[in-house]
PDB file of N, CA and C in Angstrom:
ATOM      1  N   MET A   1     -24.700 -29.380  30.913  1.00  0.00           N
ATOM      2  CA  MET A   1     -26.021 -28.855  31.192  1.00  0.00           C
ATOM      3  C   MET A   1     -26.605 -28.192  29.942  1.00  0.00           C
ATOM      4  N   VAL A   2     -25.833 -27.350  29.272  1.00  0.00           N
ATOM      5  CA  VAL A   2     -26.352 -26.645  28.108  1.00  0.00           C
ATOM      6  C   VAL A   2     -26.731 -27.613  27.010  1.00  0.00           C
ATOM      7  N   SER A   3     -25.970 -28.707  26.849  1.00  0.00           N
ATOM      8  CA  SER A   3     -26.253 -29.653  25.776  1.00  0.00           C
ATOM      9  C   SER A   3     -27.587 -30.364  25.969  1.00  0.00           C
ATOM     10  N   LYS A   4     -28.168 -30.314  27.155  1.00  0.00           N
ATOM     11  CA  LYS A   4     -29.450 -30.961  27.417  1.00  0.00           C
ATOM     12  C   LYS A   4     -30.638 -30.049  27.140  1.00  0.00           C
ATOM     13  N   LEU A   5     -30.381 -28.797  26.759  1.00  0.00           N
ATOM     14  CA  LEU A   5     -31.467 -27.871  26.466  1.00  0.00           C
ATOM     15  C   LEU A   5     -32.095 -28.208  25.128  1.00  0.00           C
ATOM     16  N   SER A   6     -33.370 -27.914  24.991  1.00  0.00           N
ATOM     17  CA  SER A   6     -34.056 -28.176  23.728  1.00  0.00           C
ATOM     18  C   SER A   6     -33.587 -27.179  22.669  1.00  0.00           C
ATOM     19  N   MET A   7     -33.756 -27.521  21.420  1.00  0.00           N
ATOM     20  CA  MET A   7     -33.316 -26.665  20.334  1.00  0.00           C
ATOM     21  C   MET A   7     -33.948 -25.278  20.386  1.00  0.00           C
ATOM     22  N   PRO A   8     -35.236 -25.117  20.681  1.00  0.00           N
ATOM     23  CA  PRO A   8     -35.780 -23.756  20.769  1.00  0.00           C
ATOM     24  C   PRO A   8     -35.054 -22.905  21.809  1.00  0.00           C
ATOM     25  N   THR A   9     -34.593 -23.495  22.895  1.00  0.00           N
ATOM     26  CA  THR A   9     -33.845 -22.754  23.899  1.00  0.00           C
ATOM     27  C   THR A   9     -32.499 -22.315  23.333  1.00  0.00           C
ATOM     28  N   TRP A  10     -31.830 -23.205  22.589  1.00  0.00           N
ATOM     29  CA  TRP A  10     -30.583 -22.852  21.918  1.00  0.00           C
ATOM     30  C   TRP A  10     -30.819 -21.664  20.994  1.00  0.00           C
ATOM     31  N   PHE A  11     -31.918 -21.739  20.266  1.00  0.00           N
ATOM     32  CA  PHE A  11     -32.265 -20.691  19.307  1.00  0.00           C
ATOM     33  C   PHE A  11     -32.432 -19.358  20.026  1.00  0.00           C
ATOM     34  N   LEU A  12     -33.079 -19.363  21.178  1.00  0.00           N
ATOM     35  CA  LEU A  12     -33.299 -18.133  21.938  1.00  0.00           C
ATOM     36  C   LEU A  12     -32.009 -17.616  22.575  1.00  0.00           C
ATOM     37  N   MET A  13     -31.105 -18.510  22.935  1.00  0.00           N
ATOM     38  CA  MET A  13     -29.854 -18.115  23.576  1.00  0.00           C
ATOM     39  C   MET A  13     -28.821 -17.600  22.568  1.00  0.00           C
ATOM     40  N   PHE A  14     -28.932 -18.016  21.327  1.00  0.00           N
ATOM     41  CA  PHE A  14     -27.922 -17.696  20.316  1.00  0.00           C
ATOM     42  C   PHE A  14     -27.608 -16.206  20.222  1.00  0.00           C
ATOM     43  N   PRO A  15     -28.604 -15.309  20.097  1.00  0.00           N
ATOM     44  CA  PRO A  15     -28.280 -13.887  19.946  1.00  0.00           C
ATOM     45  C   PRO A  15     -27.512 -13.304  21.133  1.00  0.00           C
ATOM     46  N   GLN A  16     -27.697 -13.874  22.311  1.00  0.00           N
ATOM     47  CA  GLN A  16     -27.031 -13.357  23.501  1.00  0.00           C
ATOM     48  C   GLN A  16     -25.538 -13.682  23.515  1.00  0.00           C
ATOM     49  N   THR A  17     -25.105 -14.606  22.648  1.00  0.00           N
ATOM     50  CA  THR A  17     -23.695 -14.989  22.596  1.00  0.00           C
ATOM     51  C   THR A  17     -22.919 -14.177  21.573  1.00  0.00           C
ATOM     52  N   LEU A  18     -23.599 -13.353  20.799  1.00  0.00           N
ATOM     53  CA  LEU A  18     -22.957 -12.629  19.704  1.00  0.00           C
ATOM     54  C   LEU A  18     -22.423 -11.273  20.147  1.00  0.00           C
ATOM     55  N   THR A  19     -21.241 -10.937  19.631  1.00  0.00           N
ATOM     56  CA  THR A  19     -20.648  -9.628  19.878  1.00  0.00           C
ATOM     57  C   THR A  19     -20.141  -9.061  18.562  1.00  0.00           C
ATOM     58  N   GLY A  20     -19.845  -7.792  18.543  1.00  0.00           N
ATOM     59  CA  GLY A  20     -19.239  -7.148  17.378  1.00  0.00           C
ATOM     60  C   GLY A  20     -20.035  -7.318  16.109  1.00  0.00           C
ATOM     61  N   GLY A  21     -19.321  -7.704  15.030  1.00  0.00           N
ATOM     62  CA  GLY A  21     -19.930  -7.854  13.716  1.00  0.00           C
ATOM     63  C   GLY A  21     -21.011  -8.915  13.674  1.00  0.00           C
ATOM     64  N   ALA A  22     -20.865  -9.964  14.481  1.00  0.00           N
ATOM     65  CA  ALA A  22     -21.872 -11.025  14.504  1.00  0.00           C
ATOM     66  C   ALA A  22     -23.191 -10.502  15.072  1.00  0.00           C
ATOM     67  N   GLY A  23     -23.108  -9.683  16.102  1.00  0.00           N
ATOM     68  CA  GLY A  23     -24.325  -9.094  16.669  1.00  0.00           C
ATOM     69  C   GLY A  23     -25.001  -8.145  15.693  1.00  0.00           C
ATOM     70  N   ILE A  24     -24.201  -7.355  14.992  1.00  0.00           N
ATOM     71  CA  ILE A  24     -24.745  -6.439  13.980  1.00  0.00           C
ATOM     72  C   ILE A  24     -25.409  -7.237  12.864  1.00  0.00           C
ATOM     73  N   TRP A  25     -24.736  -8.313  12.419  1.00  0.00           N
ATOM     74  CA  TRP A  25     -25.318  -9.172  11.380  1.00  0.00           C
ATOM     75  C   TRP A  25     -26.669  -9.730  11.824  1.00  0.00           C
ATOM     76  N   PHE A  26     -26.722 -10.257  13.038  1.00  0.00           N
ATOM     77  CA  PHE A  26     -27.962 -10.854  13.519  1.00  0.00           C
ATOM     78  C   PHE A  26     -29.082  -9.817  13.618  1.00  0.00           C
ATOM     79  N   ASP A  27     -28.751  -8.638  14.132  1.00  0.00           N
ATOM     80  CA  ASP A  27     -29.755  -7.582  14.272  1.00  0.00           C
ATOM     81  C   ASP A  27     -30.276  -7.094  12.922  1.00  0.00           C
ATOM     82  N   SER A  28     -29.476  -7.275  11.866  1.00  0.00           N
ATOM     83  CA  SER A  28     -29.893  -6.803  10.547  1.00  0.00           C
ATOM     84  C   SER A  28     -30.798  -7.801   9.814  1.00  0.00           C
ATOM     85  N   LEU A  29     -30.950  -9.011  10.364  1.00  0.00           N
ATOM     86  CA  LEU A  29     -31.825  -9.995   9.720  1.00  0.00           C
ATOM     87  C   LEU A  29     -33.280  -9.532   9.778  1.00  0.00           C
ATOM     88  N   GLU A  30     -33.982  -9.734   8.690  1.00  0.00           N
ATOM     89  CA  GLU A  30     -35.407  -9.391   8.663  1.00  0.00           C
ATOM     90  C   GLU A  30     -36.174 -10.328   9.595  1.00  0.00           C
ATOM     91  N   PRO A  31     -37.098  -9.809  10.390  1.00  0.00           N
ATOM     92  CA  PRO A  31     -37.905 -10.676  11.250  1.00  0.00           C
ATOM     93  C   PRO A  31     -38.647 -11.719  10.400  1.00  0.00           C
ATOM     94  N   GLY A  32     -38.574 -12.965  10.821  1.00  0.00           N
ATOM     95  CA  GLY A  32     -39.254 -14.049  10.113  1.00  0.00           C
ATOM     96  C   GLY A  32     -38.481 -14.584   8.915  1.00  0.00           C
ATOM     97  N   SER A  33     -37.266 -14.082   8.682  1.00  0.00           N
ATOM     98  CA  SER A  33     -36.508 -14.530   7.509  1.00  0.00           C
ATOM     99  C   SER A  33     -35.817 -15.873   7.731  1.00  0.00           C
ATOM    100  N   ILE A  34     -35.749 -16.316   8.966  1.00  0.00           N
ATOM    101  CA  ILE A  34     -35.135 -17.610   9.276  1.00  0.00           C
ATOM    102  C   ILE A  34     -36.179 -18.471   9.969  1.00  0.00           C
ATOM    103  N   ASP A  35     -36.339 -19.692   9.435  1.00  0.00           N
ATOM    104  CA  ASP A  35     -37.403 -20.571   9.929  1.00  0.00           C
ATOM    105  C   ASP A  35     -36.938 -21.650  10.897  1.00  0.00           C
ATOM    106  N   SER A  36     -35.647 -21.882  10.990  1.00  0.00           N
ATOM    107  CA  SER A  36     -35.179 -22.967  11.848  1.00  0.00           C
ATOM    108  C   SER A  36     -33.771 -22.674  12.354  1.00  0.00           C
ATOM    109  N   TYR A  37     -33.408 -23.399  13.378  1.00  0.00           N
ATOM    110  CA  TYR A  37     -32.052 -23.277  13.908  1.00  0.00           C
ATOM    111  C   TYR A  37     -31.038 -23.702  12.846  1.00  0.00           C
ATOM    112  N   LYS A  38     -31.367 -24.737  12.083  1.00  0.00           N
ATOM    113  CA  LYS A  38     -30.482 -25.217  11.025  1.00  0.00           C
ATOM    114  C   LYS A  38     -30.214 -24.102  10.010  1.00  0.00           C
ATOM    115  N   GLU A  39     -31.263 -23.396   9.614  1.00  0.00           N
ATOM    116  CA  GLU A  39     -31.101 -22.294   8.657  1.00  0.00           C
ATOM    117  C   GLU A  39     -30.268 -21.163   9.266  1.00  0.00           C
ATOM    118  N   LEU A  40     -30.499 -20.850  10.526  1.00  0.00           N
ATOM    119  CA  LEU A  40     -29.711 -19.821  11.212  1.00  0.00           C
ATOM    120  C   LEU A  40     -28.243 -20.226  11.248  1.00  0.00           C
ATOM    121  N   ARG A  41     -27.994 -21.468  11.587  1.00  0.00           N
ATOM    122  CA  ARG A  41     -26.629 -21.986  11.648  1.00  0.00           C
ATOM    123  C   ARG A  41     -25.952 -21.884  10.287  1.00  0.00           C
ATOM    124  N   GLU A  42     -26.631 -22.286   9.224  1.00  0.00           N
ATOM    125  CA  GLU A  42     -26.055 -22.247   7.876  1.00  0.00           C
ATOM    126  C   GLU A  42     -25.735 -20.812   7.444  1.00  0.00           C
ATOM    127  N   GLN A  43     -26.659 -19.895   7.694  1.00  0.00           N
ATOM    128  CA  GLN A  43     -26.420 -18.504   7.311  1.00  0.00           C
ATOM    129  C   GLN A  43     -25.276 -17.901   8.129  1.00  0.00           C
ATOM    130  N   PHE A  44     -25.232 -18.231   9.403  1.00  0.00           N
ATOM    131  CA  PHE A  44     -24.160 -17.722  10.255  1.00  0.00           C
ATOM    132  C   PHE A  44     -22.805 -18.235   9.769  1.00  0.00           C
ATOM    133  N   LEU A  45     -22.711 -19.532   9.520  1.00  0.00           N
ATOM    134  CA  LEU A  45     -21.446 -20.101   9.056  1.00  0.00           C
ATOM    135  C   LEU A  45     -21.049 -19.547   7.694  1.00  0.00           C
ATOM    136  N   ARG A  46     -22.012 -19.314   6.839  1.00  0.00           N
ATOM    137  CA  ARG A  46     -21.722 -18.753   5.525  1.00  0.00           C
ATOM    138  C   ARG A  46     -21.090 -17.363   5.665  1.00  0.00           C
ATOM    139  N   ASN A  47     -21.559 -16.606   6.640  1.00  0.00           N
ATOM    140  CA  ASN A  47     -21.050 -15.243   6.839  1.00  0.00           C
ATOM    141  C   ASN A  47     -19.787 -15.162   7.674  1.00  0.00           C
ATOM    142  N   PHE A  48     -19.586 -16.099   8.598  1.00  0.00           N
ATOM    143  CA  PHE A  48     -18.482 -15.970   9.552  1.00  0.00           C
ATOM    144  C   PHE A  48     -17.577 -17.194   9.626  1.00  0.00           C
ATOM    145  N   SER A  49     -17.536 -17.995   8.605  1.00  0.00           N
ATOM    146  CA  SER A  49     -16.708 -19.191   8.597  1.00  0.00           C
ATOM    147  C   SER A  49     -15.233 -18.819   8.692  1.00  0.00           C
ATOM    148  N   GLN A  50     -14.474 -19.602   9.439  1.00  0.00           N
ATOM    149  CA  GLN A  50     -13.028 -19.397   9.556  1.00  0.00           C
ATOM    150  C   GLN A  50     -12.334 -19.620   8.225  1.00  0.00           C
ATOM    151  N   GLN A  51     -12.961 -20.384   7.347  1.00  0.00           N
ATOM    152  CA  GLN A  51     -12.344 -20.671   6.063  1.00  0.00           C
ATOM    153  C   GLN A  51     -12.410 -19.473   5.125  1.00  0.00           C
ATOM    154  N   ARG A  52     -13.298 -18.558   5.382  1.00  0.00           N
ATOM    155  CA  ARG A  52     -13.416 -17.379   4.539  1.00  0.00           C
ATOM    156  C   ARG A  52     -12.317 -16.395   4.912  1.00  0.00           C
ATOM    157  N   LYS A  53     -11.472 -16.039   3.960  1.00  0.00           N
ATOM    158  CA  LYS A  53     -10.358 -15.150   4.240  1.00  0.00           C
ATOM    159  C   LYS A  53     -10.823 -13.706   4.246  1.00  0.00           C
ATOM    160  N   ALA A  54     -10.382 -13.002   5.261  1.00  0.00           N
ATOM    161  CA  ALA A  54     -10.708 -11.584   5.351  1.00  0.00           C
ATOM    162  C   ALA A  54      -9.840 -10.808   4.367  1.00  0.00           C
ATOM    163  N   LEU A  55     -10.427  -9.824   3.734  1.00  0.00           N
ATOM    164  CA  LEU A  55      -9.660  -8.980   2.835  1.00  0.00           C
ATOM    165  C   LEU A  55      -8.804  -8.043   3.678  1.00  0.00           C
ATOM    166  N   LYS A  56      -7.531  -7.989   3.335  1.00  0.00           N
ATOM    167  CA  LYS A  56      -6.616  -7.142   4.080  1.00  0.00           C
ATOM    168  C   LYS A  56      -6.143  -6.009   3.188  1.00  0.00           C
ATOM    169  N   ASN A  57      -5.913  -4.890   3.792  1.00  0.00           N
ATOM    170  CA  ASN A  57      -5.376  -3.732   3.102  1.00  0.00           C
ATOM    171  C   ASN A  57      -3.916  -4.013   2.757  1.00  0.00           C
ATOM    172  N   PRO A  58      -3.473  -3.707   1.510  1.00  0.00           N
ATOM    173  CA  PRO A  58      -2.072  -3.950   1.147  1.00  0.00           C
ATOM    174  C   PRO A  58      -1.052  -3.320   2.096  1.00  0.00           C
ATOM    175  N   ASN A  59      -1.409  -2.231   2.751  1.00  0.00           N
ATOM    176  CA  ASN A  59      -0.480  -1.595   3.697  1.00  0.00           C
ATOM    177  C   ASN A  59      -0.165  -2.475   4.904  1.00  0.00           C
ATOM    178  N   GLU A  60      -0.998  -3.478   5.151  1.00  0.00           N
ATOM    179  CA  GLU A  60      -0.761  -4.360   6.292  1.00  0.00           C
ATOM    180  C   GLU A  60       0.520  -5.168   6.140  1.00  0.00           C
ATOM    181  N   ILE A  61       1.020  -5.274   4.907  1.00  0.00           N
ATOM    182  CA  ILE A  61       2.276  -5.991   4.699  1.00  0.00           C
ATOM    183  C   ILE A  61       3.429  -5.281   5.415  1.00  0.00           C
ATOM    184  N   LEU A  62       3.293  -3.991   5.625  1.00  0.00           N
ATOM    185  CA  LEU A  62       4.333  -3.217   6.296  1.00  0.00           C
ATOM    186  C   LEU A  62       4.363  -3.455   7.806  1.00  0.00           C
ATOM    187  N   HIS A  63       3.371  -4.172   8.319  1.00  0.00           N
ATOM    188  CA  HIS A  63       3.302  -4.443   9.757  1.00  0.00           C
ATOM    189  C   HIS A  63       3.836  -5.820  10.123  1.00  0.00           C
ATOM    190  N   ILE A  64       4.299  -6.572   9.127  1.00  0.00           N
ATOM    191  CA  ILE A  64       4.884  -7.889   9.401  1.00  0.00           C
ATOM    192  C   ILE A  64       6.335  -7.659   9.802  1.00  0.00           C
ATOM    193  N   ARG A  65       6.651  -7.936  11.042  1.00  0.00           N
ATOM    194  CA  ARG A  65       7.986  -7.663  11.583  1.00  0.00           C
ATOM    195  C   ARG A  65       8.611  -8.939  12.142  1.00  0.00           C
ATOM    196  N   ARG A  66       9.907  -9.000  12.033  1.00  0.00           N
ATOM    197  CA  ARG A  66      10.653 -10.109  12.625  1.00  0.00           C
ATOM    198  C   ARG A  66      10.606  -9.969  14.135  1.00  0.00           C
ATOM    199  N   ARG A  67      10.275 -11.057  14.795  1.00  0.00           N
ATOM    200  CA  ARG A  67      10.209 -11.060  16.256  1.00  0.00           C
ATOM    201  C   ARG A  67      11.616 -11.184  16.836  1.00  0.00           C
ATOM    202  N   ASP A  68      11.784 -10.718  18.050  1.00  0.00           N
ATOM    203  CA  ASP A  68      13.102 -10.722  18.688  1.00  0.00           C
ATOM    204  C   ASP A  68      13.716 -12.118  18.749  1.00  0.00           C
ATOM    205  N   ASP A  69      12.913 -13.136  19.010  1.00  0.00           N
ATOM    206  CA  ASP A  69      13.430 -14.505  19.163  1.00  0.00           C
ATOM    207  C   ASP A  69      13.310 -15.329  17.882  1.00  0.00           C
ATOM    208  N   GLU A  70      13.026 -14.682  16.760  1.00  0.00           N
ATOM    209  CA  GLU A  70      12.758 -15.392  15.511  1.00  0.00           C
ATOM    210  C   GLU A  70      14.013 -15.444  14.630  1.00  0.00           C
ATOM    211  N   LYS A  71      14.340 -16.626  14.152  1.00  0.00           N
ATOM    212  CA  LYS A  71      15.467 -16.781  13.238  1.00  0.00           C
ATOM    213  C   LYS A  71      15.071 -16.221  11.873  1.00  0.00           C
ATOM    214  N   VAL A  72      16.070 -15.849  11.087  1.00  0.00           N
ATOM    215  CA  VAL A  72      15.818 -15.252   9.771  1.00  0.00           C
ATOM    216  C   VAL A  72      14.977 -16.189   8.908  1.00  0.00           C
ATOM    217  N   GLU A  73      15.311 -17.473   8.900  1.00  0.00           N
ATOM    218  CA  GLU A  73      14.568 -18.439   8.090  1.00  0.00           C
ATOM    219  C   GLU A  73      13.111 -18.533   8.531  1.00  0.00           C
ATOM    220  N   GLN A  74      12.889 -18.489   9.841  1.00  0.00           N
ATOM    221  CA  GLN A  74      11.523 -18.537  10.359  1.00  0.00           C
ATOM    222  C   GLN A  74      10.745 -17.304   9.924  1.00  0.00           C
ATOM    223  N   PHE A  75      11.404 -16.145  10.004  1.00  0.00           N
ATOM    224  CA  PHE A  75      10.743 -14.907   9.580  1.00  0.00           C
ATOM    225  C   PHE A  75      10.413 -14.953   8.097  1.00  0.00           C
ATOM    226  N   MET A  76      11.351 -15.449   7.287  1.00  0.00           N
ATOM    227  CA  MET A  76      11.109 -15.533   5.849  1.00  0.00           C
ATOM    228  C   MET A  76       9.886 -16.397   5.560  1.00  0.00           C
ATOM    229  N   ASP A  77       9.795 -17.547   6.208  1.00  0.00           N
ATOM    230  CA  ASP A  77       8.651 -18.440   6.009  1.00  0.00           C
ATOM    231  C   ASP A  77       7.352 -17.773   6.445  1.00  0.00           C
ATOM    232  N   ARG A  78       7.385 -17.124   7.601  1.00  0.00           N
ATOM    233  CA  ARG A  78       6.183 -16.457   8.109  1.00  0.00           C
ATOM    234  C   ARG A  78       5.796 -15.285   7.221  1.00  0.00           C
ATOM    235  N   TYR A  79       6.790 -14.525   6.755  1.00  0.00           N
ATOM    236  CA  TYR A  79       6.515 -13.374   5.890  1.00  0.00           C
ATOM    237  C   TYR A  79       5.823 -13.825   4.599  1.00  0.00           C
ATOM    238  N   VAL A  80       6.348 -14.872   4.006  1.00  0.00           N
ATOM    239  CA  VAL A  80       5.746 -15.395   2.773  1.00  0.00           C
ATOM    240  C   VAL A  80       4.317 -15.855   3.042  1.00  0.00           C
ATOM    241  N   ALA A  81       4.119 -16.616   4.123  1.00  0.00           N
ATOM    242  CA  ALA A  81       2.787 -17.131   4.438  1.00  0.00           C
ATOM    243  C   ALA A  81       1.795 -16.001   4.709  1.00  0.00           C
ATOM    244  N   GLU A  82       2.195 -15.014   5.500  1.00  0.00           N
ATOM    245  CA  GLU A  82       1.289 -13.909   5.828  1.00  0.00           C
ATOM    246  C   GLU A  82       1.043 -13.003   4.631  1.00  0.00           C
ATOM    247  N   SER A  83       2.070 -12.770   3.832  1.00  0.00           N
ATOM    248  CA  SER A  83       1.897 -11.867   2.694  1.00  0.00           C
ATOM    249  C   SER A  83       1.033 -12.480   1.604  1.00  0.00           C
ATOM    250  N   MET A  84       0.952 -13.806   1.555  1.00  0.00           N
ATOM    251  CA  MET A  84       0.088 -14.462   0.564  1.00  0.00           C
ATOM    252  C   MET A  84      -1.386 -14.173   0.823  1.00  0.00           C
ATOM    253  N   ASN A  85      -1.728 -13.831   2.057  1.00  0.00           N
ATOM    254  CA  ASN A  85      -3.109 -13.523   2.417  1.00  0.00           C
ATOM    255  C   ASN A  85      -3.474 -12.067   2.176  1.00  0.00           C
ATOM    256  N   ILE A  86      -2.532 -11.296   1.667  1.00  0.00           N
ATOM    257  CA  ILE A  86      -2.779  -9.881   1.399  1.00  0.00           C
ATOM    258  C   ILE A  86      -2.730  -9.684  -0.111  1.00  0.00           C
ATOM    259  N   LYS A  87      -3.864  -9.390  -0.697  1.00  0.00           N
ATOM    260  CA  LYS A  87      -3.964  -9.265  -2.154  1.00  0.00           C
ATOM    261  C   LYS A  87      -3.692  -7.830  -2.609  1.00  0.00           C
ATOM    262  N   GLY A  88      -3.206  -7.712  -3.834  1.00  0.00           N
ATOM    263  CA  GLY A  88      -3.030  -6.403  -4.446  1.00  0.00           C
ATOM    264  C   GLY A  88      -1.809  -5.637  -3.995  1.00  0.00           C
ATOM    265  N   VAL A  89      -0.785  -6.339  -3.518  1.00  0.00           N
ATOM    266  CA  VAL A  89       0.431  -5.663  -3.050  1.00  0.00           C
ATOM    267  C   VAL A  89       1.444  -5.637  -4.201  1.00  0.00           C
ATOM    268  N   PRO A  90       1.885  -4.460  -4.613  1.00  0.00           N
ATOM    269  CA  PRO A  90       2.903  -4.387  -5.664  1.00  0.00           C
ATOM    270  C   PRO A  90       4.198  -5.072  -5.212  1.00  0.00           C
ATOM    271  N   GLU A  91       4.922  -5.649  -6.169  1.00  0.00           N
ATOM    272  CA  GLU A  91       6.150  -6.391  -5.856  1.00  0.00           C
ATOM    273  C   GLU A  91       7.161  -5.549  -5.084  1.00  0.00           C
ATOM    274  N   VAL A  92       7.324  -4.297  -5.496  1.00  0.00           N
ATOM    275  CA  VAL A  92       8.286  -3.425  -4.815  1.00  0.00           C
ATOM    276  C   VAL A  92       7.881  -3.208  -3.352  1.00  0.00           C
ATOM    277  N   MET A  93       6.592  -3.195  -3.073  1.00  0.00           N
ATOM    278  CA  MET A  93       6.118  -3.019  -1.701  1.00  0.00           C
ATOM    279  C   MET A  93       6.374  -4.291  -0.886  1.00  0.00           C
ATOM    280  N   LYS A  94       6.252  -5.458  -1.525  1.00  0.00           N
ATOM    281  CA  LYS A  94       6.563  -6.715  -0.830  1.00  0.00           C
ATOM    282  C   LYS A  94       8.038  -6.746  -0.429  1.00  0.00           C
ATOM    283  N   ILE A  95       8.901  -6.349  -1.352  1.00  0.00           N
ATOM    284  CA  ILE A  95      10.337  -6.344  -1.072  1.00  0.00           C
ATOM    285  C   ILE A  95      10.667  -5.342   0.026  1.00  0.00           C
ATOM    286  N   SER A  96      10.115  -4.151  -0.097  1.00  0.00           N
ATOM    287  CA  SER A  96      10.349  -3.112   0.905  1.00  0.00           C
ATOM    288  C   SER A  96       9.828  -3.542   2.268  1.00  0.00           C
ATOM    289  N   GLY A  97       8.648  -4.149   2.285  1.00  0.00           N
ATOM    290  CA  GLY A  97       8.074  -4.625   3.546  1.00  0.00           C
ATOM    291  C   GLY A  97       8.937  -5.685   4.195  1.00  0.00           C
ATOM    292  N   PHE A  98       9.477  -6.586   3.372  1.00  0.00           N
ATOM    293  CA  PHE A  98      10.349  -7.631   3.912  1.00  0.00           C
ATOM    294  C   PHE A  98      11.614  -7.037   4.507  1.00  0.00           C
ATOM    295  N   ILE A  99      12.255  -6.151   3.753  1.00  0.00           N
ATOM    296  CA  ILE A  99      13.490  -5.532   4.233  1.00  0.00           C
ATOM    297  C   ILE A  99      13.236  -4.768   5.527  1.00  0.00           C
ATOM    298  N   ASN A 100      12.157  -4.003   5.546  1.00  0.00           N
ATOM    299  CA  ASN A 100      11.807  -3.235   6.740  1.00  0.00           C
ATOM    300  C   ASN A 100      11.458  -4.154   7.908  1.00  0.00           C
ATOM    301  N   GLY A 101      10.786  -5.253   7.616  1.00  0.00           N
ATOM    302  CA  GLY A 101      10.376  -6.187   8.662  1.00  0.00           C
ATOM    303  C   GLY A 101      11.520  -6.962   9.274  1.00  0.00           C
ATOM    304  N   MET A 102      12.634  -7.043   8.571  1.00  0.00           N
ATOM    305  CA  MET A 102      13.796  -7.769   9.093  1.00  0.00           C
ATOM    306  C   MET A 102      14.338  -7.130  10.367  1.00  0.00           C
ATOM    307  N   ARG A 103      14.253  -5.802  10.437  1.00  0.00           N
ATOM    308  CA  ARG A 103      14.775  -5.083  11.599  1.00  0.00           C
ATOM    309  C   ARG A 103      16.248  -5.389  11.817  1.00  0.00           C
ATOM    310  N   PHE A 104      16.971  -5.434  10.740  1.00  0.00           N
ATOM    311  CA  PHE A 104      18.388  -5.758  10.764  1.00  0.00           C
ATOM    312  C   PHE A 104      19.068  -4.739   9.879  1.00  0.00           C
ATOM    313  N   SER A 105      19.576  -3.658  10.451  1.00  0.00           N
ATOM    314  CA  SER A 105      20.008  -2.502   9.674  1.00  0.00           C
ATOM    315  C   SER A 105      21.080  -2.824   8.624  1.00  0.00           C
ATOM    316  N   GLN A 106      22.070  -3.652   8.943  1.00  0.00           N
ATOM    317  CA  GLN A 106      23.105  -3.973   7.966  1.00  0.00           C
ATOM    318  C   GLN A 106      22.522  -4.722   6.767  1.00  0.00           C
ATOM    319  N   LEU A 107      21.642  -5.651   7.033  1.00  0.00           N
ATOM    320  CA  LEU A 107      21.011  -6.403   5.944  1.00  0.00           C
ATOM    321  C   LEU A 107      20.148  -5.476   5.095  1.00  0.00           C
ATOM    322  N   MET A 108      19.420  -4.584   5.731  1.00  0.00           N
ATOM    323  CA  MET A 108      18.576  -3.643   4.987  1.00  0.00           C
ATOM    324  C   MET A 108      19.430  -2.787   4.063  1.00  0.00           C
ATOM    325  N   GLU A 109      20.575  -2.331   4.553  1.00  0.00           N
ATOM    326  CA  GLU A 109      21.455  -1.514   3.717  1.00  0.00           C
ATOM    327  C   GLU A 109      21.971  -2.318   2.531  1.00  0.00           C
ATOM    328  N   LYS A 110      22.383  -3.555   2.757  1.00  0.00           N
ATOM    329  CA  LYS A 110      22.921  -4.407   1.698  1.00  0.00           C
ATOM    330  C   LYS A 110      21.857  -4.703   0.644  1.00  0.00           C
ATOM    331  N   LEU A 111      20.652  -5.081   1.087  1.00  0.00           N
ATOM    332  CA  LEU A 111      19.579  -5.376   0.147  1.00  0.00           C
ATOM    333  C   LEU A 111      19.147  -4.129  -0.611  1.00  0.00           C
ATOM    334  N   GLY A 112      19.240  -2.980   0.023  1.00  0.00           N
ATOM    335  CA  GLY A 112      18.836  -1.731  -0.606  1.00  0.00           C
ATOM    336  C   GLY A 112      19.809  -1.234  -1.661  1.00  0.00           C
ATOM    337  N   GLU A 113      21.015  -1.801  -1.702  1.00  0.00           N
ATOM    338  CA  GLU A 113      22.012  -1.374  -2.683  1.00  0.00           C
ATOM    339  C   GLU A 113      21.572  -1.639  -4.116  1.00  0.00           C
ATOM    340  N   ASP A 114      20.816  -2.692  -4.325  1.00  0.00           N
ATOM    341  CA  ASP A 114      20.414  -3.085  -5.681  1.00  0.00           C
ATOM    342  C   ASP A 114      19.103  -2.465  -6.134  1.00  0.00           C
ATOM    343  N   PHE A 115      18.494  -1.614  -5.331  1.00  0.00           N
ATOM    344  CA  PHE A 115      17.245  -0.978  -5.731  1.00  0.00           C
ATOM    345  C   PHE A 115      17.537   0.040  -6.828  1.00  0.00           C
ATOM    346  N   PRO A 116      16.705   0.091  -7.846  1.00  0.00           N
ATOM    347  CA  PRO A 116      16.932   1.084  -8.893  1.00  0.00           C
ATOM    348  C   PRO A 116      16.722   2.503  -8.366  1.00  0.00           C
ATOM    349  N   THR A 117      17.499   3.414  -8.879  1.00  0.00           N
ATOM    350  CA  THR A 117      17.318   4.816  -8.484  1.00  0.00           C
ATOM    351  C   THR A 117      16.524   5.510  -9.569  1.00  0.00           C
ATOM    352  N   PHE A 118      15.691   6.416  -9.171  1.00  0.00           N
ATOM    353  CA  PHE A 118      14.835   7.140 -10.090  1.00  0.00           C
ATOM    354  C   PHE A 118      15.276   8.599 -10.125  1.00  0.00           C
ATOM    355  N   ARG A 119      15.420   9.103 -11.318  1.00  0.00           N
ATOM    356  CA  ARG A 119      15.803  10.494 -11.482  1.00  0.00           C
ATOM    357  C   ARG A 119      14.609  11.264 -11.985  1.00  0.00           C
ATOM    358  N   SER A 120      14.491  12.479 -11.530  1.00  0.00           N
ATOM    359  CA  SER A 120      13.374  13.297 -11.994  1.00  0.00           C
ATOM    360  C   SER A 120      13.620  13.726 -13.434  1.00  0.00           C
ATOM    361  N   ALA A 121      12.562  14.036 -14.136  1.00  0.00           N
ATOM    362  CA  ALA A 121      12.640  14.394 -15.544  1.00  0.00           C
ATOM    363  C   ALA A 121      13.180  15.815 -15.723  1.00  0.00           C
ATOM    364  N   ASN A 122      13.356  16.567 -14.653  1.00  0.00           N
ATOM    365  CA  ASN A 122      13.833  17.960 -14.768  1.00  0.00           C
ATOM    366  C   ASN A 122      15.279  18.022 -15.135  1.00  0.00           C
TER     367      ASN A 122
END
């Protein structure tokens, strides 16, 4: 039924389908700044395309955890894939996040043995 509606009707219905950031984006458009549905579609996709990667805070790497039913190899693959989407993470934080995310206390202790120790200058 909806596919049989004319384009102006689609244009009028579009704002009613938006929530969150998309609704805020639409409300911020200057009146008369978009002349056609095609232009609205292009601007919307430019702003909200799935291909555009969201910037993540480096601390989010600490929230990647091994799932209860996940094998170590699966977690390693997922950790690498997810951490690649988080920019600006220092190497030591990546290692620490991985060890912490393993949720395997014996492994964490073993991996932590090789961490350098820092002594204060006092």
